[in-house]
């Protein structure tokens, strides 16, 4: 009986770790996309400023 309890506990820990890793993976992908979009926005803003400066 005690062995069964330990096995259930072990499986619960494995499940928790798997969920944590899966969530961390999704968060990393989100951070990568966010950083890329922020870089693109900065590039667009700098090009826009350059074009405005060329007109003056």
N, C-alpha and C. Protein backbone atom coordinates (compact mmCIF):
# COMPACT_ATOMS: atom_id res chain seq x y z
N UNK A 1 0.82 -1.20 0.00
CA UNK A 1 0.00 0.00 0.00
C UNK A 1 0.86 1.26 0.00
N UNK A 2 1.90 1.23 0.81
CA UNK A 2 2.79 2.38 0.90
C UNK A 2 3.52 2.61 -0.43
N UNK A 3 3.90 1.52 -1.08
CA UNK A 3 4.57 1.63 -2.38
C UNK A 3 3.65 2.29 -3.40
N UNK A 4 2.40 1.93 -3.38
CA UNK A 4 1.43 2.54 -4.29
C UNK A 4 1.31 4.04 -4.03
N UNK A 5 1.29 4.41 -2.79
CA UNK A 5 1.22 5.83 -2.43
C UNK A 5 2.45 6.58 -2.94
N UNK A 6 3.63 5.98 -2.79
CA UNK A 6 4.86 6.61 -3.28
C UNK A 6 4.83 6.73 -4.80
N UNK A 7 4.31 5.73 -5.48
CA UNK A 7 4.24 5.79 -6.94
C UNK A 7 3.28 6.89 -7.40
N UNK A 8 2.16 7.02 -6.73
CA UNK A 8 1.21 8.08 -7.07
C UNK A 8 1.85 9.44 -6.83
N UNK A 9 2.53 9.58 -5.72
CA UNK A 9 3.21 10.83 -5.40
C UNK A 9 4.26 11.15 -6.47
N UNK A 10 5.03 10.15 -6.87
CA UNK A 10 6.05 10.33 -7.90
C UNK A 10 5.43 10.77 -9.21
N UNK A 11 4.32 10.15 -9.60
CA UNK A 11 3.65 10.53 -10.85
C UNK A 11 3.09 11.94 -10.77
N UNK A 12 2.63 12.34 -9.61
CA UNK A 12 2.14 13.71 -9.45
C UNK A 12 3.28 14.71 -9.62
N UNK A 13 4.45 14.39 -9.08
CA UNK A 13 5.62 15.26 -9.24
C UNK A 13 6.04 15.33 -10.70
N UNK A 14 6.05 14.19 -11.38
CA UNK A 14 6.39 14.18 -12.80
C UNK A 14 5.42 15.04 -13.61
N UNK A 15 4.16 14.92 -13.30
CA UNK A 15 3.14 15.70 -14.00
C UNK A 15 3.34 17.19 -13.76
N UNK A 16 3.64 17.55 -12.55
CA UNK A 16 3.88 18.95 -12.21
C UNK A 16 5.11 19.49 -12.95
N UNK A 17 6.17 18.72 -12.98
CA UNK A 17 7.38 19.14 -13.68
C UNK A 17 7.13 19.28 -15.18
N UNK A 18 6.38 18.35 -15.75
CA UNK A 18 6.07 18.40 -17.17
C UNK A 18 5.26 19.67 -17.48
N UNK A 19 4.29 19.98 -16.66
CA UNK A 19 3.48 21.19 -16.87
C UNK A 19 4.35 22.44 -16.76
N UNK A 20 5.26 22.45 -15.80
CA UNK A 20 6.15 23.60 -15.64
C UNK A 20 7.04 23.79 -16.87
N UNK A 21 7.62 22.70 -17.36
CA UNK A 21 8.49 22.78 -18.53
C UNK A 21 7.72 23.20 -19.77
N UNK A 22 6.52 22.68 -19.93
CA UNK A 22 5.70 23.03 -21.08
C UNK A 22 5.34 24.52 -21.03
N UNK A 23 4.98 25.00 -19.86
CA UNK A 23 4.64 26.42 -19.70
C UNK A 23 5.87 27.30 -19.94
N UNK A 24 7.02 26.88 -19.44
CA UNK A 24 8.25 27.65 -19.63
C UNK A 24 8.62 27.71 -21.11
N UNK A 25 8.39 26.64 -21.83
CA UNK A 25 8.68 26.62 -23.27
C UNK A 25 7.78 27.61 -24.01
N UNK A 26 6.50 27.62 -23.66
CA UNK A 26 5.58 28.56 -24.30
C UNK A 26 5.94 29.99 -23.95
N UNK A 27 6.35 30.22 -22.71
CA UNK A 27 6.72 31.57 -22.28
C UNK A 27 7.97 32.04 -23.03
N UNK A 28 8.92 31.14 -23.26
CA UNK A 28 10.13 31.51 -23.99
C UNK A 28 9.79 31.87 -25.43
N UNK A 29 8.90 31.11 -26.05
CA UNK A 29 8.48 31.41 -27.42
C UNK A 29 7.79 32.77 -27.46
N UNK A 30 6.95 33.05 -26.47
CA UNK A 30 6.27 34.34 -26.40
C UNK A 30 7.28 35.48 -26.25
N UNK A 31 8.27 35.30 -25.38
CA UNK A 31 9.28 36.34 -25.18
C UNK A 31 10.09 36.58 -26.45
N UNK A 32 10.40 35.51 -27.19
CA UNK A 32 11.13 35.66 -28.45
C UNK A 32 10.33 36.47 -29.47
N UNK A 33 9.04 36.15 -29.60
CA UNK A 33 8.18 36.87 -30.53
C UNK A 33 8.04 38.32 -30.11
N UNK A 34 7.86 38.55 -28.83
CA UNK A 34 7.71 39.91 -28.31
C UNK A 34 8.97 40.74 -28.58
N UNK A 35 10.14 40.17 -28.35
CA UNK A 35 11.40 40.88 -28.59
C UNK A 35 11.56 41.20 -30.07
N UNK A 36 11.19 40.26 -30.93
CA UNK A 36 11.30 40.49 -32.37
C UNK A 36 10.36 41.61 -32.81
N UNK A 37 9.14 41.62 -32.30
CA UNK A 37 8.19 42.67 -32.66
C UNK A 37 8.65 44.03 -32.14
N UNK A 38 9.21 44.07 -30.94
CA UNK A 38 9.71 45.34 -30.40
C UNK A 38 10.88 45.86 -31.24
N UNK A 39 11.74 44.96 -31.70
CA UNK A 39 12.86 45.36 -32.55
C UNK A 39 12.35 45.90 -33.88
N UNK A 40 11.35 45.24 -34.46
CA UNK A 40 10.77 45.72 -35.71
C UNK A 40 10.14 47.09 -35.53
N UNK A 41 9.46 47.30 -34.41
CA UNK A 41 8.84 48.59 -34.14
C UNK A 41 9.90 49.68 -34.01
N UNK A 42 10.99 49.39 -33.33
CA UNK A 42 12.07 50.36 -33.21
C UNK A 42 12.68 50.68 -34.57
N UNK A 43 12.83 49.66 -35.41
CA UNK A 43 13.37 49.88 -36.76
C UNK A 43 12.45 50.79 -37.57
N UNK A 44 11.15 50.55 -37.47
CA UNK A 44 10.18 51.36 -38.20
C UNK A 44 10.22 52.80 -37.70
N UNK A 45 10.29 52.97 -36.39
CA UNK A 45 10.32 54.32 -35.82
C UNK A 45 11.59 55.05 -36.23
N UNK A 46 12.71 54.38 -36.24
CA UNK A 46 13.96 55.05 -36.62
C UNK A 46 13.95 55.41 -38.10
N UNK A 47 13.40 54.54 -38.96
CA UNK A 47 13.29 54.87 -40.38
C UNK A 47 12.35 56.04 -40.59
N UNK A 48 11.28 56.08 -39.82
CA UNK A 48 10.32 57.18 -39.93
C UNK A 48 10.99 58.50 -39.53
N UNK A 49 11.75 58.48 -38.46
CA UNK A 49 12.46 59.70 -38.02
C UNK A 49 13.48 60.13 -39.07
N UNK A 50 14.17 59.17 -39.68
CA UNK A 50 15.14 59.50 -40.72
C UNK A 50 14.45 60.15 -41.91
N UNK A 51 13.29 59.64 -42.29
CA UNK A 51 12.57 60.22 -43.42
C UNK A 51 12.08 61.63 -43.09
N UNK A 52 11.61 61.84 -41.87
CA UNK A 52 11.17 63.17 -41.46
C UNK A 52 12.34 64.15 -41.46
N UNK A 53 13.49 63.70 -41.02
CA UNK A 53 14.68 64.56 -41.00
C UNK A 53 15.17 64.88 -42.40
N UNK A 54 14.97 63.97 -43.33
CA UNK A 54 15.43 64.23 -44.70
C UNK A 54 14.55 65.26 -45.40
N UNK A 55 13.31 65.45 -44.95
CA UNK A 55 12.42 66.44 -45.54
C UNK A 55 12.71 67.84 -45.03
N UNK A 56 13.36 67.95 -43.89
CA UNK A 56 13.61 69.29 -43.33
C UNK A 56 14.96 69.83 -43.71
